[in-house]
N, C-alpha and C. Protein backbone atom coordinates (compact mmCIF):
# COMPACT_ATOMS: atom_id res chain seq x y z
N MET A 1 19.64 -1.94 -2.13
CA MET A 1 18.71 -2.39 -1.77
C MET A 1 18.76 -3.84 -1.80
N SER A 2 18.45 -4.73 -0.62
CA SER A 2 18.50 -6.20 -0.44
C SER A 2 17.55 -6.98 -0.68
N VAL A 3 17.39 -8.06 -1.56
CA VAL A 3 16.67 -8.96 -1.31
C VAL A 3 17.05 -10.25 -0.89
N LEU A 4 16.15 -11.11 -0.21
CA LEU A 4 16.57 -11.99 0.97
C LEU A 4 15.43 -13.08 0.53
N THR A 5 15.88 -14.53 0.79
CA THR A 5 14.40 -15.12 0.09
C THR A 5 15.08 -16.30 2.40
N TRP A 6 14.21 -17.21 2.48
CA TRP A 6 14.49 -17.49 3.69
C TRP A 6 14.89 -18.97 3.84
N ASN A 7 15.47 -19.93 4.41
CA ASN A 7 15.27 -21.45 4.01
C ASN A 7 14.76 -21.56 6.03
N ASN A 8 13.56 -20.59 6.55
CA ASN A 8 13.48 -21.22 7.76
C ASN A 8 14.47 -21.20 8.65
N GLN A 9 15.22 -19.61 8.82
CA GLN A 9 16.35 -19.71 9.20
C GLN A 9 16.57 -17.88 9.87
N PRO A 10 16.25 -18.09 11.01
CA PRO A 10 16.16 -16.50 11.65
C PRO A 10 17.40 -15.32 10.40
N LEU A 11 17.23 -14.37 10.27
CA LEU A 11 17.63 -13.37 9.68
C LEU A 11 18.08 -12.40 10.52
N THR A 12 19.38 -11.77 10.69
CA THR A 12 19.81 -10.70 11.24
C THR A 12 20.62 -9.45 10.53
N ILE A 13 20.14 -8.57 10.46
CA ILE A 13 20.89 -7.85 9.52
C ILE A 13 21.43 -6.49 10.26
N THR A 14 22.46 -5.73 10.64
CA THR A 14 22.74 -4.79 10.92
C THR A 14 23.21 -3.32 9.85
N ALA A 15 22.82 -2.12 10.21
CA ALA A 15 23.29 -0.74 9.41
C ALA A 15 24.22 -0.30 10.18
N LYS A 16 24.85 0.51 9.62
CA LYS A 16 25.95 1.61 10.25
C LYS A 16 25.62 3.24 9.45
N VAL A 17 25.10 4.17 9.86
CA VAL A 17 25.53 5.24 9.49
C VAL A 17 26.55 5.89 9.59
N ASP A 18 27.98 6.91 9.01
CA ASP A 18 28.46 7.50 9.54
C ASP A 18 28.06 8.73 9.30
N VAL A 19 28.29 9.48 10.12
CA VAL A 19 28.02 10.63 10.82
C VAL A 19 28.10 11.24 11.82
N ARG A 20 28.85 12.59 11.96
CA ARG A 20 29.54 13.43 13.28
C ARG A 20 28.52 14.55 13.28
N ILE A 21 27.79 14.62 14.50
CA ILE A 21 26.85 15.18 15.09
C ILE A 21 27.42 15.63 16.21
N ASN A 22 26.65 16.85 16.54
CA ASN A 22 27.17 17.92 17.57
C ASN A 22 26.54 17.29 19.29
N PRO A 23 26.74 17.71 20.25
CA PRO A 23 26.46 17.43 21.31
C PRO A 23 25.03 17.41 21.43
N THR A 24 24.26 18.94 21.40
CA THR A 24 23.26 18.79 21.01
C THR A 24 22.37 18.30 19.41
N ASP A 25 22.30 17.71 18.91
CA ASP A 25 22.04 17.27 18.09
C ASP A 25 20.85 15.38 18.25
N LEU A 26 20.48 15.10 17.62
CA LEU A 26 20.33 13.96 18.16
C LEU A 26 19.75 12.83 16.97
N LEU A 27 20.28 11.93 16.65
CA LEU A 27 19.91 10.74 15.41
C LEU A 27 19.22 9.97 15.91
N GLU A 28 18.13 10.02 15.19
CA GLU A 28 17.38 8.62 15.10
C GLU A 28 16.56 8.20 13.81
N TRP A 29 16.66 6.99 13.63
CA TRP A 29 15.93 6.04 12.45
C TRP A 29 14.84 6.24 12.06
N ALA A 30 14.07 6.51 10.79
CA ALA A 30 13.05 6.44 10.86
C ALA A 30 12.57 5.20 9.96
N HIS A 31 11.42 4.31 10.00
CA HIS A 31 11.49 3.08 9.06
C HIS A 31 9.84 2.72 9.33
N GLU A 32 10.02 1.62 7.99
CA GLU A 32 8.56 1.36 7.80
C GLU A 32 8.73 -0.22 7.34
N PHE A 33 8.25 -0.70 7.30
CA PHE A 33 8.02 -2.07 7.49
C PHE A 33 6.28 -1.93 6.36
N THR A 34 6.18 -2.76 5.07
CA THR A 34 4.73 -2.52 4.59
C THR A 34 5.06 -4.01 3.95
N PRO A 35 4.11 -4.91 4.44
CA PRO A 35 3.84 -6.17 3.78
C PRO A 35 3.58 -6.19 2.25
N GLY A 36 3.86 -7.82 1.68
CA GLY A 36 3.69 -7.30 0.11
C GLY A 36 2.18 -8.35 0.20
N LEU A 37 1.69 -7.55 -1.30
CA LEU A 37 0.54 -8.04 -1.38
C LEU A 37 0.36 -9.56 -2.14
N ILE A 38 -0.49 -10.22 -1.81
CA ILE A 38 -0.81 -11.59 -1.92
C ILE A 38 -2.47 -11.80 -2.74
N PRO A 39 -1.84 -13.06 -3.55
CA PRO A 39 -3.81 -12.90 -4.37
C PRO A 39 -4.40 -13.00 -3.44
N ASP A 40 -5.62 -12.88 -3.85
CA ASP A 40 -7.20 -13.01 -2.79
C ASP A 40 -7.17 -14.42 -3.79
N PRO A 41 -7.87 -15.47 -2.52
CA PRO A 41 -8.06 -16.87 -3.25
C PRO A 41 -9.50 -16.57 -3.34
N TRP A 42 -10.34 -15.38 -2.82
CA TRP A 42 -11.50 -16.21 -3.22
C TRP A 42 -11.86 -15.45 -4.29
N ASN A 43 -11.11 -13.95 -4.24
CA ASN A 43 -11.53 -13.10 -5.75
C ASN A 43 -12.81 -12.90 -5.75
N SER A 44 -13.16 -12.36 -4.58
CA SER A 44 -14.62 -11.82 -4.39
C SER A 44 -15.44 -10.41 -5.63
N VAL A 45 -16.33 -10.62 -5.98
CA VAL A 45 -16.84 -10.43 -7.48
C VAL A 45 -17.99 -9.45 -6.80
N TYR A 46 -18.21 -8.77 -7.10
CA TYR A 46 -19.46 -7.20 -7.14
C TYR A 46 -19.57 -6.90 -8.16
N GLN A 47 -20.73 -6.91 -8.43
CA GLN A 47 -21.20 -5.47 -9.27
C GLN A 47 -22.38 -5.00 -9.33
N LEU A 48 -22.14 -3.29 -9.68
CA LEU A 48 -22.74 -1.98 -8.87
C LEU A 48 -23.65 -1.79 -10.30
N ALA A 49 -24.46 -1.61 -10.09
CA ALA A 49 -25.57 -0.94 -10.85
C ALA A 49 -26.21 0.51 -10.72
N TRP A 50 -26.21 1.20 -12.50
CA TRP A 50 -26.61 2.30 -12.02
C TRP A 50 -27.85 3.13 -12.93
N ASP A 51 -28.54 3.28 -12.35
CA ASP A 51 -29.86 3.23 -12.86
C ASP A 51 -29.70 4.76 -14.16
N GLY A 52 -29.08 5.37 -14.58
CA GLY A 52 -28.97 6.85 -14.92
C GLY A 52 -29.79 8.26 -15.01
N VAL A 53 -30.88 7.68 -13.37
CA VAL A 53 -31.78 8.69 -12.98
C VAL A 53 -31.17 10.10 -13.11
N GLU A 54 -30.82 10.40 -12.28
CA GLU A 54 -30.33 11.44 -11.61
C GLU A 54 -28.76 12.27 -11.72
N SER A 55 -28.68 13.10 -12.47
CA SER A 55 -27.61 13.61 -13.35
C SER A 55 -26.66 14.54 -12.48
N GLY A 56 -25.59 13.55 -12.05
CA GLY A 56 -24.45 14.09 -11.17
C GLY A 56 -24.42 14.21 -9.48
N CYS A 57 -25.02 12.65 -9.09
CA CYS A 57 -25.77 12.11 -7.76
C CYS A 57 -24.47 11.01 -7.62
N THR A 58 -24.11 10.65 -6.20
CA THR A 58 -23.39 9.67 -5.85
C THR A 58 -23.94 8.69 -6.37
N TRP A 59 -23.75 7.76 -6.91
CA TRP A 59 -24.02 6.40 -7.55
C TRP A 59 -23.53 5.10 -6.25
N GLY A 60 -23.97 5.40 -4.67
CA GLY A 60 -23.13 4.58 -4.06
C GLY A 60 -22.14 4.45 -3.58
N THR A 61 -22.45 4.74 -1.97
CA THR A 61 -21.14 4.71 -1.22
C THR A 61 -20.24 2.95 -0.93
N GLN A 62 -19.69 3.26 -1.01
CA GLN A 62 -19.27 1.52 -1.25
C GLN A 62 -17.92 1.50 0.08
N ALA A 63 -17.73 0.50 0.53
CA ALA A 63 -16.51 0.34 1.23
C ALA A 63 -15.39 -0.48 1.00
N LEU A 64 -13.73 -0.05 0.79
CA LEU A 64 -13.53 -0.71 0.25
C LEU A 64 -11.88 -1.09 1.45
N SER A 65 -12.05 -2.29 1.49
CA SER A 65 -10.98 -3.17 2.68
C SER A 65 -9.05 -2.90 2.21
N ASP A 66 -7.92 -3.07 2.83
CA ASP A 66 -7.14 -2.28 2.39
C ASP A 66 -6.86 -4.41 1.67
N GLY A 67 -5.94 -3.56 0.56
CA GLY A 67 -5.24 -4.84 -0.39
C GLY A 67 -5.77 -3.65 -2.25
N LEU A 68 -5.91 -4.84 -2.84
CA LEU A 68 -5.74 -4.36 -4.39
C LEU A 68 -7.35 -4.89 -4.93
N TRP A 69 -7.58 -3.37 -5.59
CA TRP A 69 -9.14 -3.67 -6.31
C TRP A 69 -8.98 -3.74 -7.71
N ARG A 70 -9.63 -4.19 -8.13
CA ARG A 70 -10.18 -3.94 -9.80
C ARG A 70 -11.12 -3.72 -9.96
N PHE A 71 -11.52 -2.36 -11.04
CA PHE A 71 -12.82 -1.97 -11.14
C PHE A 71 -13.04 -2.16 -12.65
N THR A 72 -14.25 -2.61 -13.21
CA THR A 72 -14.08 -2.73 -15.00
C THR A 72 -15.87 -2.01 -15.03
N ALA A 73 -15.92 -1.44 -16.07
CA ALA A 73 -17.34 -1.18 -16.38
C ALA A 73 -17.82 -1.89 -17.91
N LEU A 74 -18.79 -2.95 -17.25
CA LEU A 74 -18.95 -3.56 -17.62
C LEU A 74 -20.33 -2.98 -18.78
N SER A 75 -20.88 -2.15 -18.29
CA SER A 75 -21.61 -1.54 -19.41
C SER A 75 -22.05 0.41 -19.07
N GLY A 76 -22.50 1.20 -20.39
CA GLY A 76 -22.86 2.18 -19.86
C GLY A 76 -21.96 3.17 -20.07
N VAL A 77 -20.54 3.42 -20.19
CA VAL A 77 -19.63 3.98 -20.15
C VAL A 77 -18.82 4.15 -21.20
N ASP A 78 -18.55 5.47 -21.74
CA ASP A 78 -17.76 6.46 -23.21
C ASP A 78 -17.13 7.14 -22.56
N ALA A 79 -16.38 7.82 -23.42
CA ALA A 79 -15.53 9.24 -23.25
C ALA A 79 -16.45 10.33 -22.92
N ASN A 80 -17.71 10.42 -23.26
CA ASN A 80 -18.76 11.67 -22.93
C ASN A 80 -19.69 11.03 -21.86
N ALA A 81 -19.08 9.66 -21.16
CA ALA A 81 -20.05 9.74 -20.00
C ALA A 81 -19.07 8.65 -18.71
N PRO A 82 -17.77 9.08 -18.47
CA PRO A 82 -16.94 8.32 -17.71
C PRO A 82 -17.55 8.49 -16.50
N ILE A 83 -17.08 7.13 -15.54
CA ILE A 83 -17.58 7.01 -14.34
C ILE A 83 -16.28 7.07 -13.19
N GLU A 84 -16.53 8.51 -12.16
CA GLU A 84 -14.94 9.07 -11.71
C GLU A 84 -15.63 7.84 -9.99
N ILE A 85 -14.21 7.33 -9.85
CA ILE A 85 -14.43 7.03 -8.39
C ILE A 85 -13.44 7.80 -7.63
N ARG A 86 -14.27 8.21 -6.52
CA ARG A 86 -13.60 9.20 -5.57
C ARG A 86 -13.73 8.80 -4.20
N ARG A 87 -12.47 9.10 -3.42
CA ARG A 87 -12.68 8.58 -1.79
C ARG A 87 -13.43 9.71 -1.14
N GLN A 88 -14.55 9.57 -0.52
CA GLN A 88 -15.54 10.18 0.29
C GLN A 88 -15.18 11.14 1.30
N ASP A 89 -14.53 10.73 1.84
CA ASP A 89 -13.72 11.72 2.88
C ASP A 89 -13.04 13.00 2.56
N THR A 90 -12.27 12.96 1.22
CA THR A 90 -11.53 13.78 1.15
C THR A 90 -11.87 14.20 -0.52
N ASP A 91 -12.70 13.33 -1.02
CA ASP A 91 -13.48 13.70 -2.81
C ASP A 91 -12.09 13.53 -3.41
N GLU A 92 -10.58 12.59 -2.70
CA GLU A 92 -9.58 12.83 -4.08
C GLU A 92 -10.19 11.84 -5.21
N LEU A 93 -9.68 12.25 -6.13
CA LEU A 93 -9.89 11.31 -7.80
C LEU A 93 -9.17 9.85 -7.49
N LEU A 94 -9.45 8.95 -7.45
CA LEU A 94 -8.61 7.22 -7.34
C LEU A 94 -8.85 7.06 -8.99
N ALA A 95 -9.70 7.26 -9.76
CA ALA A 95 -9.68 6.87 -10.65
C ALA A 95 -10.66 7.15 -11.86
N THR A 96 -10.69 6.76 -13.39
CA THR A 96 -11.58 7.02 -14.09
C THR A 96 -12.00 5.71 -14.37
N LEU A 97 -13.40 5.52 -15.16
CA LEU A 97 -13.56 4.09 -16.21
C LEU A 97 -14.48 4.84 -17.34
N THR A 98 -13.13 5.12 -18.47
CA THR A 98 -14.20 5.79 -19.76
C THR A 98 -13.64 4.88 -20.75
N ALA A 99 -13.64 3.63 -20.17
CA ALA A 99 -14.56 2.62 -21.79
C ALA A 99 -14.83 1.18 -20.93
N ILE A 100 -15.37 0.36 -21.46
CA ILE A 100 -15.84 -0.43 -21.15
C ILE A 100 -15.02 -2.05 -21.26
N GLY A 101 -15.24 -2.64 -19.87
CA GLY A 101 -14.00 -3.31 -20.19
C GLY A 101 -12.38 -2.97 -20.23
N VAL A 102 -12.20 -2.09 -19.66
CA VAL A 102 -10.75 -1.81 -19.48
C VAL A 102 -10.74 -1.96 -17.95
N PRO A 103 -10.18 -2.27 -17.56
CA PRO A 103 -9.77 -2.53 -15.66
C PRO A 103 -9.20 -1.56 -15.27
N VAL A 104 -9.15 -1.16 -14.07
CA VAL A 104 -8.36 0.04 -13.63
C VAL A 104 -7.96 -0.24 -11.64
N GLY A 105 -6.66 -0.02 -11.62
CA GLY A 105 -6.57 -0.82 -10.30
C GLY A 105 -6.54 0.00 -9.37
N ILE A 106 -7.32 -0.06 -7.95
CA ILE A 106 -6.84 0.97 -6.54
C ILE A 106 -6.09 0.63 -5.77
N GLN A 107 -5.28 1.34 -5.11
CA GLN A 107 -4.40 -0.01 -3.73
C GLN A 107 -4.98 0.68 -2.80
N ILE A 108 -5.25 0.15 -1.57
CA ILE A 108 -5.57 0.46 -0.09
C ILE A 108 -4.58 0.62 0.48
N PRO A 109 -4.20 1.23 1.59
CA PRO A 109 -3.03 0.67 2.23
C PRO A 109 -3.27 -0.64 3.53
N VAL A 110 -2.28 -0.56 3.89
CA VAL A 110 -2.52 -1.66 4.77
C VAL A 110 -3.39 -0.98 5.72
N ASN A 111 -3.71 -2.02 6.86
CA ASN A 111 -4.53 -1.45 7.90
C ASN A 111 -5.71 -0.16 7.72
N ALA A 112 -6.07 -0.04 6.47
CA ALA A 112 -6.75 1.35 5.92
C ALA A 112 -8.56 0.38 5.82
N SER A 113 -9.55 1.18 5.72
CA SER A 113 -10.82 0.86 5.06
C SER A 113 -11.16 2.00 4.72
N VAL A 114 -11.14 2.18 3.31
CA VAL A 114 -12.06 3.63 2.41
C VAL A 114 -13.10 3.50 1.81
N TYR A 115 -14.13 4.71 1.91
CA TYR A 115 -15.21 4.65 1.28
C TYR A 115 -14.96 5.32 -0.11
N ILE A 116 -15.87 4.90 -0.88
CA ILE A 116 -15.59 5.56 -2.06
C ILE A 116 -16.86 5.78 -2.10
N ASN A 117 -16.94 6.92 -3.33
CA ASN A 117 -18.40 7.31 -4.82
C ASN A 117 -17.91 7.10 -5.62
N LEU A 118 -18.80 6.65 -6.14
CA LEU A 118 -18.90 6.63 -7.88
C LEU A 118 -20.07 7.49 -8.11
N LEU A 119 -19.31 8.63 -9.46
CA LEU A 119 -19.79 9.25 -9.87
C LEU A 119 -19.91 9.70 -11.56
N GLN A 120 -21.36 9.98 -11.91
CA GLN A 120 -20.99 10.02 -13.42
C GLN A 120 -21.65 11.14 -13.35
N SER A 121 -21.40 12.25 -14.35
CA SER A 121 -21.97 13.17 -14.80
C SER A 121 -23.46 13.34 -15.72
N ASN A 122 -22.76 12.74 -16.87
CA ASN A 122 -24.27 12.12 -17.64
C ASN A 122 -24.69 10.97 -17.94
N PRO A 123 -25.26 10.65 -16.41
CA PRO A 123 -25.54 9.08 -15.96
C PRO A 123 -26.65 8.79 -17.42
N VAL A 124 -26.03 7.39 -17.10
CA VAL A 124 -26.70 6.15 -18.32
C VAL A 124 -27.10 5.13 -17.52
N ILE A 125 -27.54 4.08 -18.36
CA ILE A 125 -27.68 2.44 -17.36
C ILE A 125 -26.18 2.30 -17.63
N ALA A 126 -25.53 1.58 -16.08
CA ALA A 126 -24.34 1.18 -16.28
C ALA A 126 -24.24 0.02 -15.66
N THR A 127 -23.09 -0.59 -15.94
CA THR A 127 -22.77 -1.27 -14.45
C THR A 127 -21.49 -1.29 -14.40
N VAL A 128 -20.84 -1.80 -13.22
CA VAL A 128 -18.99 -1.60 -12.89
C VAL A 128 -19.13 -2.66 -12.21
N GLU A 129 -18.20 -3.79 -12.59
CA GLU A 129 -17.96 -4.79 -11.58
C GLU A 129 -16.78 -4.51 -10.66
N MET A 130 -16.28 -5.02 -9.18
CA MET A 130 -15.43 -4.41 -8.62
C MET A 130 -14.74 -5.95 -7.92
N THR A 131 -13.81 -6.10 -7.88
CA THR A 131 -13.03 -6.79 -7.64
C THR A 131 -11.78 -6.98 -6.69
N ARG A 132 -11.75 -7.45 -5.12
CA ARG A 132 -10.57 -7.41 -4.54
C ARG A 132 -9.96 -8.69 -5.16
N THR A 133 -8.14 -8.20 -6.15
CA THR A 133 -7.89 -9.51 -6.29
C THR A 133 -6.75 -9.88 -5.46
N HIS A 134 -5.99 -8.83 -4.42
CA HIS A 134 -5.05 -8.98 -3.70
C HIS A 134 -5.30 -8.52 -2.54
N TYR A 135 -4.59 -9.05 -1.14
CA TYR A 135 -4.65 -8.72 0.13
C TYR A 135 -3.50 -8.77 1.11
N TRP A 136 -2.91 -7.86 1.65
CA TRP A 136 -1.77 -7.41 2.39
C TRP A 136 -1.24 -8.84 3.28
N ASP A 137 -0.27 -9.37 3.05
CA ASP A 137 0.38 -10.79 3.58
C ASP A 137 0.12 -10.77 4.87
N SER A 138 -0.55 -11.13 5.77
CA SER A 138 -0.25 -11.02 7.77
C SER A 138 0.24 -12.65 7.90
N SER A 139 0.80 -13.60 6.98
CA SER A 139 0.87 -14.55 8.11
C SER A 139 2.38 -14.23 8.25
N GLY A 140 3.38 -14.61 9.21
CA GLY A 140 4.80 -14.64 9.84
C GLY A 140 4.42 -13.49 10.58
N SER A 141 5.91 -13.42 10.68
CA SER A 141 5.84 -12.27 11.73
C SER A 141 6.66 -11.23 11.40
N PRO A 142 6.58 -10.07 11.64
CA PRO A 142 7.25 -8.67 10.72
C PRO A 142 8.54 -8.57 11.69
N PRO A 143 9.34 -8.10 10.91
CA PRO A 143 10.82 -7.74 11.58
C PRO A 143 10.46 -6.62 12.97
N ALA A 144 11.66 -7.15 13.75
CA ALA A 144 12.06 -6.84 14.88
C ALA A 144 13.37 -5.91 14.60
N ILE A 145 12.54 -4.31 15.23
CA ILE A 145 13.74 -3.47 15.20
C ILE A 145 14.63 -3.06 16.31
N THR A 146 15.77 -3.17 16.59
CA THR A 146 16.49 -2.13 17.78
C THR A 146 17.58 -1.41 17.09
N GLN A 147 17.40 -0.14 17.79
CA GLN A 147 18.50 0.76 17.25
C GLN A 147 19.21 1.36 18.27
N ALA A 148 20.22 1.45 17.94
CA ALA A 148 21.14 2.70 19.44
C ALA A 148 22.10 3.27 18.63
N GLY A 149 22.07 4.82 19.06
CA GLY A 149 22.77 5.58 17.91
C GLY A 149 23.03 5.30 16.34
N ASP A 150 24.21 5.22 15.56
CA ASP A 150 24.19 5.22 14.39
C ASP A 150 24.09 3.61 13.72
N THR A 151 23.51 2.53 14.83
CA THR A 151 23.38 1.47 14.29
C THR A 151 22.24 0.82 14.51
N PHE A 152 21.64 0.03 13.75
CA PHE A 152 20.02 -0.15 13.31
C PHE A 152 20.21 -1.66 12.85
N THR A 153 19.66 -2.36 13.48
CA THR A 153 19.74 -4.17 13.49
C THR A 153 18.22 -4.22 13.12
N VAL A 154 18.12 -5.21 12.23
CA VAL A 154 16.43 -5.94 11.59
C VAL A 154 17.02 -7.28 12.36
N GLN A 155 16.18 -8.14 13.18
CA GLN A 155 15.61 -9.70 13.02
C GLN A 155 14.76 -10.13 12.25
N TYR A 156 14.82 -10.96 11.84
CA TYR A 156 13.67 -11.60 11.25
C TYR A 156 13.42 -12.76 12.18
N PRO A 157 11.99 -13.72 12.17
CA PRO A 157 12.18 -14.91 13.57
C PRO A 157 12.12 -15.68 11.93
N TRP A 158 12.14 -16.91 12.72
CA TRP A 158 11.84 -18.30 11.73
C TRP A 158 10.85 -18.30 10.88
N THR A 159 9.50 -17.82 10.63
CA THR A 159 9.22 -17.56 9.68
C THR A 159 8.66 -16.02 9.86
N PRO A 160 9.58 -15.27 9.04
CA PRO A 160 9.32 -14.30 8.79
C PRO A 160 7.81 -13.41 7.72
N ARG A 161 7.49 -12.56 8.24
CA ARG A 161 6.80 -12.16 6.92
C ARG A 161 6.78 -11.39 5.90
N GLN A 162 6.73 -12.08 4.40
CA GLN A 162 7.25 -11.21 3.25
C GLN A 162 6.53 -9.58 3.34
N GLY A 163 7.92 -8.52 2.82
CA GLY A 163 7.39 -7.63 2.48
C GLY A 163 8.99 -6.92 2.50
N VAL A 164 8.72 -5.28 2.73
CA VAL A 164 9.42 -4.57 2.36
C VAL A 164 9.76 -3.79 3.54
N LEU A 165 10.62 -3.36 4.09
CA LEU A 165 11.43 -2.58 5.33
C LEU A 165 12.17 -1.32 4.71
N THR A 166 11.88 -0.14 5.05
CA THR A 166 12.55 0.97 4.42
C THR A 166 12.98 1.36 5.22
N ALA A 167 14.35 1.89 5.91
CA ALA A 167 14.61 3.08 6.37
C ALA A 167 15.64 3.91 6.50
N THR A 168 15.68 5.29 7.38
CA THR A 168 16.87 6.20 6.95
C THR A 168 16.58 6.71 8.13
N ALA A 169 18.46 7.10 8.18
CA ALA A 169 18.82 7.98 9.18
C ALA A 169 18.76 9.38 9.24
N GLN A 170 18.14 9.86 10.36
CA GLN A 170 17.59 11.55 10.42
C GLN A 170 18.36 12.04 11.57
N VAL A 171 18.88 13.56 11.89
CA VAL A 171 19.54 14.10 12.41
C VAL A 171 18.62 15.40 12.79
N TYR A 172 18.59 15.43 13.95
CA TYR A 172 17.90 16.48 14.35
C TYR A 172 18.90 17.68 15.18
N ASP A 173 18.72 18.73 14.80
CA ASP A 173 19.26 20.01 16.09
C ASP A 173 18.47 20.13 17.69
N GLY A 174 19.33 20.53 18.13
CA GLY A 174 18.63 21.14 19.87
C GLY A 174 17.56 21.61 19.52
N ASN A 175 16.81 21.99 18.81
CA ASN A 175 15.45 22.89 18.48
C ASN A 175 14.69 21.60 17.22
N GLY A 176 15.06 20.75 17.65
CA GLY A 176 13.98 19.78 17.12
C GLY A 176 13.54 19.46 15.51
N PHE A 177 14.35 20.72 14.65
CA PHE A 177 14.27 20.53 13.10
C PHE A 177 15.50 19.99 12.32
N LEU A 178 14.72 19.42 11.57
CA LEU A 178 15.20 17.63 10.95
C LEU A 178 16.17 18.54 9.79
N ILE A 179 17.62 18.35 10.31
CA ILE A 179 19.07 18.82 9.87
C ILE A 179 19.37 17.69 8.56
N ALA A 180 19.42 16.86 8.64
CA ALA A 180 20.30 15.78 7.65
C ALA A 180 19.16 14.43 7.48
N THR A 181 19.39 13.95 6.49
CA THR A 181 18.70 12.79 6.28
C THR A 181 19.51 11.86 5.63
N SER A 182 19.50 10.92 5.83
CA SER A 182 20.43 9.77 5.23
C SER A 182 19.76 9.47 3.64
N ASP A 183 20.55 8.41 2.85
CA ASP A 183 19.77 7.54 1.53
C ASP A 183 19.23 6.39 2.49
N ALA A 184 18.04 6.13 1.69
CA ALA A 184 16.96 5.20 2.34
C ALA A 184 17.82 3.32 2.23
N ILE A 185 17.60 2.80 3.13
CA ILE A 185 18.04 1.77 3.29
C ILE A 185 17.07 0.83 2.97
N THR A 186 16.47 -0.14 1.98
CA THR A 186 15.72 -0.96 1.82
C THR A 186 15.68 -2.14 1.88
N LEU A 187 15.10 -2.89 2.20
CA LEU A 187 15.41 -4.43 2.61
C LEU A 187 13.59 -5.94 2.39
N THR A 188 14.40 -6.24 1.15
CA THR A 188 13.11 -7.10 0.75
C THR A 188 12.70 -8.27 0.98
N ILE A 189 12.32 -8.93 2.07
CA ILE A 189 11.97 -10.18 1.78
C ILE A 189 10.93 -11.17 1.07
N THR A 190 11.06 -11.94 0.30
CA THR A 190 10.63 -13.08 -0.33
C THR A 190 10.63 -14.46 -0.11
N GLY A 191 9.08 -14.92 0.11
CA GLY A 191 9.17 -16.11 -0.06
C GLY A 191 9.01 -16.86 -0.74
N ALA A 192 10.47 -18.04 -0.67
CA ALA A 192 10.59 -18.92 -2.13
C ALA A 192 10.79 -20.48 -1.98
N GLY A 193 9.22 -20.47 -1.04
CA GLY A 193 8.71 -21.89 -0.90
C GLY A 193 9.58 -22.66 0.16
N SER A 194 10.39 -23.33 -0.71
CA SER A 194 11.21 -24.10 -0.22
C SER A 194 13.21 -24.13 -0.68
N GLY A 195 13.74 -24.11 0.24
CA GLY A 195 14.99 -23.69 0.10
C GLY A 195 15.14 -22.43 -0.03
N GLY A 196 15.86 -21.71 -0.19
CA GLY A 196 16.18 -20.75 -0.05
C GLY A 196 17.82 -20.07 0.17
N SER A 197 17.95 -18.72 -0.07
CA SER A 197 19.23 -18.65 0.74
C SER A 197 19.18 -16.96 1.33
């Protein structure tokens, strides 16, 4: 893994993979760039109130935009009356609140918006605080990727976006089946304010 900071200078990094392939094989580079999470300056706080009337019902549907969210039960939660936070479209359990004042975090991927349901099997009067604490960095420019055979080149502009780039070389046979994968190459770009190297 490489970790780089910048001093307002463009960066170019080249990686090569050492591999022998048959004429019918295909070498491709799989890569993904994930921007860094930075604090949400607004730190918007929402409170969700539950009246405890209907057993097992959906306790409101909330939309979460991409970023890092914190949920904290302020009242009405204990081991016998936990609150489940579930993804609406898949019913995936994202987190469970079992005690008052103990926060749990949920990370929503970049460019995603997820609807959630809050459920309580033994409903009581309860309140939950929901805060987006971080969002994905959108300042600067993402890396420019070029690839030619066994060579993978990353170019960052004058003001690169902070984040993590992961790349792997993959070999496919003539039928399109994946037959080999390299170790992952990870490049982390962080801001240094002024200065850097």
